N, C-alpha and C. Protein backbone atom coordinates (compact mmCIF):
# COMPACT_ATOMS: atom_id res chain seq x y z
N MET A 1 0.90 -1.23 -0.02
CA MET A 1 0.03 -0.02 -0.02
C MET A 1 0.88 1.21 -0.02
N GLN A 2 0.58 2.20 -0.75
CA GLN A 2 1.40 3.36 -0.88
C GLN A 2 0.96 4.40 0.27
N SER A 3 1.94 5.05 0.60
CA SER A 3 1.79 6.04 1.68
C SER A 3 0.86 7.27 1.18
N LEU A 4 0.44 8.06 2.06
CA LEU A 4 -0.38 9.24 1.79
C LEU A 4 0.32 10.24 0.83
N ARG A 5 1.57 10.35 1.15
CA ARG A 5 2.51 11.21 0.34
C ARG A 5 2.50 10.81 -1.17
N HIS A 6 2.63 9.44 -1.35
CA HIS A 6 2.73 9.00 -2.80
C HIS A 6 1.41 9.20 -3.41
N GLN A 7 0.32 8.97 -2.75
CA GLN A 7 -1.04 9.12 -3.30
C GLN A 7 -1.19 10.61 -3.71
N ARG A 8 -0.78 11.54 -2.83
CA ARG A 8 -0.93 12.95 -3.07
C ARG A 8 -0.07 13.40 -4.29
N VAL A 9 1.23 12.83 -4.32
CA VAL A 9 2.07 13.17 -5.46
C VAL A 9 1.49 12.70 -6.78
N ARG A 10 0.99 11.39 -6.79
CA ARG A 10 0.34 10.87 -7.94
C ARG A 10 -0.85 11.68 -8.45
N GLN A 11 -1.68 12.05 -7.56
CA GLN A 11 -2.84 12.96 -7.88
C GLN A 11 -2.43 14.29 -8.43
N LEU A 12 -1.47 14.92 -7.78
CA LEU A 12 -0.88 16.19 -8.28
C LEU A 12 -0.28 16.08 -9.66
N LEU A 13 0.52 15.00 -9.82
CA LEU A 13 1.17 14.92 -11.05
C LEU A 13 0.15 14.66 -12.15
N ARG A 14 -0.81 13.79 -11.94
CA ARG A 14 -1.94 13.46 -12.83
C ARG A 14 -2.69 14.75 -13.26
N ARG A 15 -2.98 15.56 -12.34
CA ARG A 15 -3.68 16.86 -12.60
C ARG A 15 -2.85 17.69 -13.43
N GLU A 16 -1.59 17.99 -13.00
CA GLU A 16 -0.76 18.90 -13.67
C GLU A 16 -0.24 18.56 -15.07
N ILE A 17 0.03 17.26 -15.18
CA ILE A 17 0.40 16.70 -16.63
C ILE A 17 -0.79 16.82 -17.52
N GLY A 18 -1.99 16.49 -17.04
CA GLY A 18 -3.18 16.73 -17.86
C GLY A 18 -3.30 18.03 -18.40
N GLU A 19 -3.07 19.10 -17.43
CA GLU A 19 -3.23 20.52 -17.85
C GLU A 19 -2.09 20.82 -18.82
N ILE A 20 -0.97 20.41 -18.55
CA ILE A 20 0.18 20.75 -19.47
C ILE A 20 -0.14 20.30 -20.84
N ILE A 21 -0.60 18.94 -20.99
CA ILE A 21 -0.82 18.46 -22.23
C ILE A 21 -1.97 19.18 -22.92
N ARG A 22 -2.97 19.45 -22.22
CA ARG A 22 -4.06 20.27 -22.79
C ARG A 22 -3.63 21.58 -23.38
N ARG A 23 -2.61 22.24 -22.69
CA ARG A 23 -2.13 23.48 -23.21
C ARG A 23 -1.18 23.27 -24.34
N GLU A 24 -0.33 22.27 -24.33
CA GLU A 24 0.82 22.25 -25.19
C GLU A 24 0.52 21.50 -26.50
N ILE A 25 -0.40 20.47 -26.49
CA ILE A 25 -0.54 19.63 -27.68
C ILE A 25 -1.96 19.93 -28.25
N PRO A 26 -2.02 20.35 -29.52
CA PRO A 26 -3.25 20.73 -30.14
C PRO A 26 -4.13 19.41 -30.38
N VAL A 27 -5.46 19.46 -30.09
CA VAL A 27 -6.36 18.45 -30.27
C VAL A 27 -6.46 18.00 -31.66
N ALA A 28 -6.43 19.06 -32.64
CA ALA A 28 -6.67 18.80 -34.11
C ALA A 28 -5.60 17.74 -34.55
N ASP A 29 -4.39 17.89 -34.18
CA ASP A 29 -3.34 17.04 -34.53
C ASP A 29 -3.30 15.71 -33.93
N ALA A 30 -3.44 15.63 -32.58
CA ALA A 30 -3.19 14.47 -31.78
C ALA A 30 -4.46 13.81 -31.20
N GLY A 31 -5.56 14.32 -31.44
CA GLY A 31 -6.73 13.84 -30.83
C GLY A 31 -6.86 14.34 -29.38
N LEU A 32 -7.77 13.83 -28.65
CA LEU A 32 -8.00 14.23 -27.22
C LEU A 32 -7.12 13.34 -26.34
N ILE A 33 -6.17 13.82 -25.78
CA ILE A 33 -5.27 12.97 -24.85
C ILE A 33 -5.76 13.27 -23.44
N THR A 34 -5.99 12.09 -22.74
CA THR A 34 -6.39 12.09 -21.25
C THR A 34 -5.25 11.36 -20.49
N VAL A 35 -5.08 11.90 -19.24
CA VAL A 35 -4.10 11.20 -18.41
C VAL A 35 -5.01 10.32 -17.51
N ASN A 36 -4.97 9.01 -17.68
CA ASN A 36 -5.73 8.15 -16.92
C ASN A 36 -5.23 7.91 -15.55
N ASP A 37 -3.89 7.65 -15.45
CA ASP A 37 -3.27 7.40 -14.11
C ASP A 37 -1.81 7.70 -14.22
N VAL A 38 -1.21 7.89 -13.07
CA VAL A 38 0.31 8.09 -12.97
C VAL A 38 0.81 7.15 -11.86
N GLY A 39 1.88 6.42 -12.25
CA GLY A 39 2.44 5.52 -11.28
C GLY A 39 3.81 6.14 -11.02
N VAL A 40 4.01 6.24 -9.61
CA VAL A 40 5.27 6.90 -9.17
C VAL A 40 6.20 5.86 -8.44
N ALA A 41 7.39 5.98 -8.80
CA ALA A 41 8.42 5.00 -8.24
C ALA A 41 8.53 5.39 -6.66
N GLY A 42 9.04 4.48 -5.89
CA GLY A 42 9.19 4.64 -4.40
C GLY A 42 10.01 5.86 -4.11
N ASP A 43 11.10 6.20 -4.89
CA ASP A 43 11.90 7.27 -4.55
C ASP A 43 11.45 8.67 -5.23
N LEU A 44 10.34 8.49 -5.85
CA LEU A 44 9.72 9.69 -6.60
C LEU A 44 10.53 10.30 -7.63
N GLN A 45 11.56 9.56 -8.13
CA GLN A 45 12.39 10.09 -9.27
C GLN A 45 11.98 9.67 -10.72
N SER A 46 11.00 8.75 -10.72
CA SER A 46 10.53 8.51 -12.03
C SER A 46 8.96 8.21 -11.94
N ALA A 47 8.37 8.52 -12.99
CA ALA A 47 6.81 8.34 -13.07
C ALA A 47 6.40 7.70 -14.44
N THR A 48 5.49 6.82 -14.43
CA THR A 48 4.85 6.27 -15.58
C THR A 48 3.53 6.93 -15.66
N VAL A 49 3.31 7.57 -16.82
CA VAL A 49 2.12 8.33 -17.14
C VAL A 49 1.22 7.41 -18.16
N PHE A 50 0.06 7.04 -17.66
CA PHE A 50 -0.84 6.15 -18.60
C PHE A 50 -1.83 7.19 -19.19
N VAL A 51 -1.73 7.23 -20.48
CA VAL A 51 -2.54 8.15 -21.30
C VAL A 51 -3.50 7.44 -22.28
N GLY A 52 -4.64 8.03 -22.37
CA GLY A 52 -5.58 7.51 -23.41
C GLY A 52 -5.70 8.60 -24.45
N ILE A 53 -5.88 8.15 -25.69
CA ILE A 53 -6.01 9.05 -26.85
C ILE A 53 -7.31 8.74 -27.58
N ILE A 54 -8.25 9.73 -27.65
CA ILE A 54 -9.49 9.50 -28.28
C ILE A 54 -9.41 10.31 -29.65
N GLY A 55 -9.57 9.51 -30.69
CA GLY A 55 -9.51 10.11 -32.05
C GLY A 55 -9.40 8.95 -33.02
N THR A 56 -8.93 9.31 -34.30
CA THR A 56 -8.75 8.37 -35.27
C THR A 56 -7.42 7.61 -35.08
N ALA A 57 -7.24 6.51 -35.86
CA ALA A 57 -5.99 5.77 -35.59
C ALA A 57 -4.85 6.64 -35.89
N ASP A 58 -4.85 7.54 -36.96
CA ASP A 58 -3.80 8.46 -37.32
C ASP A 58 -3.58 9.38 -36.10
N GLN A 59 -4.64 9.97 -35.62
CA GLN A 59 -4.50 10.90 -34.49
C GLN A 59 -3.86 10.22 -33.27
N LYS A 60 -4.20 8.95 -33.04
CA LYS A 60 -3.62 8.25 -31.92
C LYS A 60 -2.12 8.03 -32.13
N ARG A 61 -1.75 7.72 -33.27
CA ARG A 61 -0.30 7.45 -33.67
C ARG A 61 0.43 8.77 -33.46
N LYS A 62 -0.13 9.92 -34.10
CA LYS A 62 0.55 11.22 -34.00
C LYS A 62 0.56 11.70 -32.56
N GLY A 63 -0.49 11.50 -31.84
CA GLY A 63 -0.49 12.00 -30.48
C GLY A 63 0.44 11.27 -29.54
N PHE A 64 0.69 10.02 -29.75
CA PHE A 64 1.70 9.32 -28.91
C PHE A 64 2.99 9.78 -29.25
N ALA A 65 3.34 9.88 -30.61
CA ALA A 65 4.54 10.40 -31.06
C ALA A 65 4.87 11.77 -30.47
N LEU A 66 3.85 12.71 -30.55
CA LEU A 66 4.01 13.96 -29.94
C LEU A 66 4.38 14.03 -28.46
N LEU A 67 3.72 13.07 -27.72
CA LEU A 67 4.01 12.97 -26.39
C LEU A 67 5.43 12.53 -26.08
N GLN A 68 5.96 11.65 -26.88
CA GLN A 68 7.28 11.19 -26.85
C GLN A 68 8.24 12.32 -27.15
N LYS A 69 7.86 13.01 -28.20
CA LYS A 69 8.75 14.18 -28.70
C LYS A 69 8.85 15.31 -27.72
N THR A 70 7.80 15.52 -26.96
CA THR A 70 7.73 16.80 -26.09
C THR A 70 7.86 16.30 -24.57
N ARG A 71 8.33 15.06 -24.40
CA ARG A 71 8.46 14.63 -22.93
C ARG A 71 9.32 15.48 -22.12
N LEU A 72 10.41 15.80 -22.61
CA LEU A 72 11.28 16.75 -21.76
C LEU A 72 10.78 18.08 -21.54
N ARG A 73 10.05 18.62 -22.41
CA ARG A 73 9.35 19.97 -22.28
C ARG A 73 8.29 19.76 -21.15
N ILE A 74 7.54 18.72 -21.33
CA ILE A 74 6.42 18.36 -20.28
C ILE A 74 7.01 18.18 -19.03
N GLN A 75 8.11 17.50 -18.90
CA GLN A 75 8.80 17.23 -17.67
C GLN A 75 9.39 18.53 -16.95
N ASP A 76 9.91 19.39 -17.79
CA ASP A 76 10.42 20.70 -17.37
C ASP A 76 9.23 21.57 -16.82
N LEU A 77 8.04 21.57 -17.47
CA LEU A 77 6.83 22.35 -17.02
C LEU A 77 6.42 21.81 -15.70
N VAL A 78 6.39 20.48 -15.63
CA VAL A 78 5.98 19.84 -14.38
C VAL A 78 6.92 20.29 -13.21
N GLY A 79 8.19 20.35 -13.53
CA GLY A 79 9.19 20.70 -12.51
C GLY A 79 8.99 22.14 -12.00
N ARG A 80 8.54 23.06 -12.95
CA ARG A 80 8.33 24.31 -12.53
C ARG A 80 6.95 24.60 -11.75
N ALA A 81 6.05 23.59 -12.03
CA ALA A 81 4.71 23.77 -11.41
C ALA A 81 4.57 23.15 -10.05
N ILE A 82 5.27 22.01 -9.94
CA ILE A 82 5.31 21.22 -8.68
C ILE A 82 6.60 21.30 -8.00
N VAL A 83 6.61 21.56 -6.75
CA VAL A 83 7.81 21.72 -6.00
C VAL A 83 8.04 20.31 -5.26
N LEU A 84 8.98 19.65 -5.76
CA LEU A 84 9.51 18.37 -5.20
C LEU A 84 11.05 18.46 -5.25
N LYS A 85 11.68 17.57 -4.45
CA LYS A 85 13.10 17.58 -4.37
C LYS A 85 13.66 17.18 -5.70
N TYR A 86 13.13 16.16 -6.41
CA TYR A 86 13.46 15.70 -7.71
C TYR A 86 12.20 15.82 -8.62
N THR A 87 12.41 16.27 -9.87
CA THR A 87 11.33 16.20 -10.81
C THR A 87 11.33 14.86 -11.33
N PRO A 88 10.18 14.17 -11.29
CA PRO A 88 10.19 12.85 -11.80
C PRO A 88 10.47 12.69 -13.21
N ARG A 89 11.25 11.67 -13.60
CA ARG A 89 11.49 11.47 -15.05
C ARG A 89 10.26 10.69 -15.61
N LEU A 90 9.65 11.38 -16.62
CA LEU A 90 8.33 10.86 -17.10
C LEU A 90 8.58 9.83 -18.25
N ARG A 91 7.65 8.86 -18.28
CA ARG A 91 7.57 7.77 -19.21
C ARG A 91 6.07 7.67 -19.58
N PHE A 92 5.72 7.87 -20.88
CA PHE A 92 4.37 7.71 -21.29
C PHE A 92 4.02 6.33 -21.78
N VAL A 93 2.91 5.75 -21.39
CA VAL A 93 2.43 4.45 -21.79
C VAL A 93 1.00 4.75 -22.30
N LEU A 94 0.66 4.06 -23.49
CA LEU A 94 -0.63 4.10 -24.04
C LEU A 94 -1.47 3.18 -23.26
N ASP A 95 -2.53 3.67 -22.76
CA ASP A 95 -3.45 2.97 -21.92
C ASP A 95 -4.83 2.71 -22.61
N ASP A 96 -5.06 1.55 -23.04
CA ASP A 96 -6.37 1.37 -23.80
C ASP A 96 -7.45 0.75 -22.97
N SER A 97 -7.43 0.94 -21.64
CA SER A 97 -8.30 0.33 -20.76
C SER A 97 -9.82 0.83 -20.94
N VAL A 98 -9.87 2.11 -21.33
CA VAL A 98 -11.26 2.71 -21.59
C VAL A 98 -11.84 1.98 -22.84
N ALA A 99 -11.13 1.76 -23.85
CA ALA A 99 -11.52 1.11 -25.07
C ALA A 99 -11.87 -0.37 -24.75
N ARG A 100 -11.06 -0.93 -23.96
CA ARG A 100 -11.41 -2.39 -23.50
C ARG A 100 -12.64 -2.43 -22.68
N GLY A 101 -12.82 -1.44 -21.85
CA GLY A 101 -14.07 -1.38 -21.01
C GLY A 101 -15.31 -1.16 -21.87
N ASN A 102 -15.18 -0.31 -22.80
CA ASN A 102 -16.33 -0.05 -23.71
C ASN A 102 -16.56 -1.32 -24.50
N ARG A 103 -15.70 -2.02 -24.94
CA ARG A 103 -15.89 -3.30 -25.65
C ARG A 103 -16.54 -4.35 -24.79
N VAL A 104 -16.25 -4.36 -23.56
CA VAL A 104 -16.88 -5.34 -22.58
C VAL A 104 -18.38 -4.98 -22.51
N LEU A 105 -18.64 -3.71 -22.32
CA LEU A 105 -19.98 -3.17 -22.30
C LEU A 105 -20.79 -3.60 -23.47
N GLU A 106 -20.24 -3.40 -24.66
CA GLU A 106 -20.84 -3.80 -25.90
C GLU A 106 -21.22 -5.20 -25.99
N ILE A 107 -20.31 -6.15 -25.58
CA ILE A 107 -20.58 -7.51 -25.50
C ILE A 107 -21.70 -7.84 -24.59
N ILE A 108 -21.67 -7.33 -23.42
CA ILE A 108 -22.83 -7.57 -22.40
C ILE A 108 -24.09 -7.11 -23.04
N GLU A 109 -24.16 -5.98 -23.66
CA GLU A 109 -25.38 -5.51 -24.34
C GLU A 109 -25.86 -6.49 -25.42
N GLU A 110 -24.85 -7.05 -26.29
CA GLU A 110 -25.19 -7.95 -27.24
C GLU A 110 -25.82 -9.33 -26.62
N ILE A 111 -25.13 -9.77 -25.53
CA ILE A 111 -25.73 -10.88 -24.83
C ILE A 111 -27.10 -10.62 -24.29
N GLU A 112 -27.36 -9.52 -23.71
CA GLU A 112 -28.59 -9.20 -23.17
C GLU A 112 -29.64 -9.21 -24.21
N ARG A 113 -29.36 -8.62 -25.31
CA ARG A 113 -30.27 -8.48 -26.50
C ARG A 113 -30.60 -9.91 -27.13
N SER A 114 -29.54 -10.78 -27.16
CA SER A 114 -29.83 -12.02 -27.67
C SER A 114 -30.59 -12.95 -26.76
N GLN A 115 -30.57 -12.74 -25.41
CA GLN A 115 -31.33 -13.54 -24.47
C GLN A 115 -32.73 -12.99 -24.08
N SER A 116 -33.01 -11.72 -24.54
CA SER A 116 -34.27 -11.12 -23.99
C SER A 116 -35.37 -11.78 -25.13
N PRO A 117 -36.49 -12.11 -24.52
CA PRO A 117 -37.54 -12.63 -25.36
C PRO A 117 -38.26 -11.44 -26.17
N SER A 118 -38.46 -11.66 -27.40
CA SER A 118 -39.01 -10.67 -28.27
C SER A 118 -40.43 -10.82 -28.54
């Protein structure tokens, strides 16, 4: 179980990284990028940012490439906005849990429709 400090840092990073991405990366090029979760290492020196990208396949590809390209800039802006001893080194991971969840809901609806008497 993570300490209260880790939980607070995770929430703060999630909120601040989401705001920075919203300001820095245009939606028209990259789709809508959401920060789903942030995992922070025990020493708070690295963080894994789980992002979801809503848009076309091309927008998803471009959006993730833009995140990788602007990682250092985002990391720098996080360091200026959040006062920590060390600014965490960010690593972006594409999180498709929302898409998988939507697919599960679609399957459940299909099953319910096929079983309901008409």
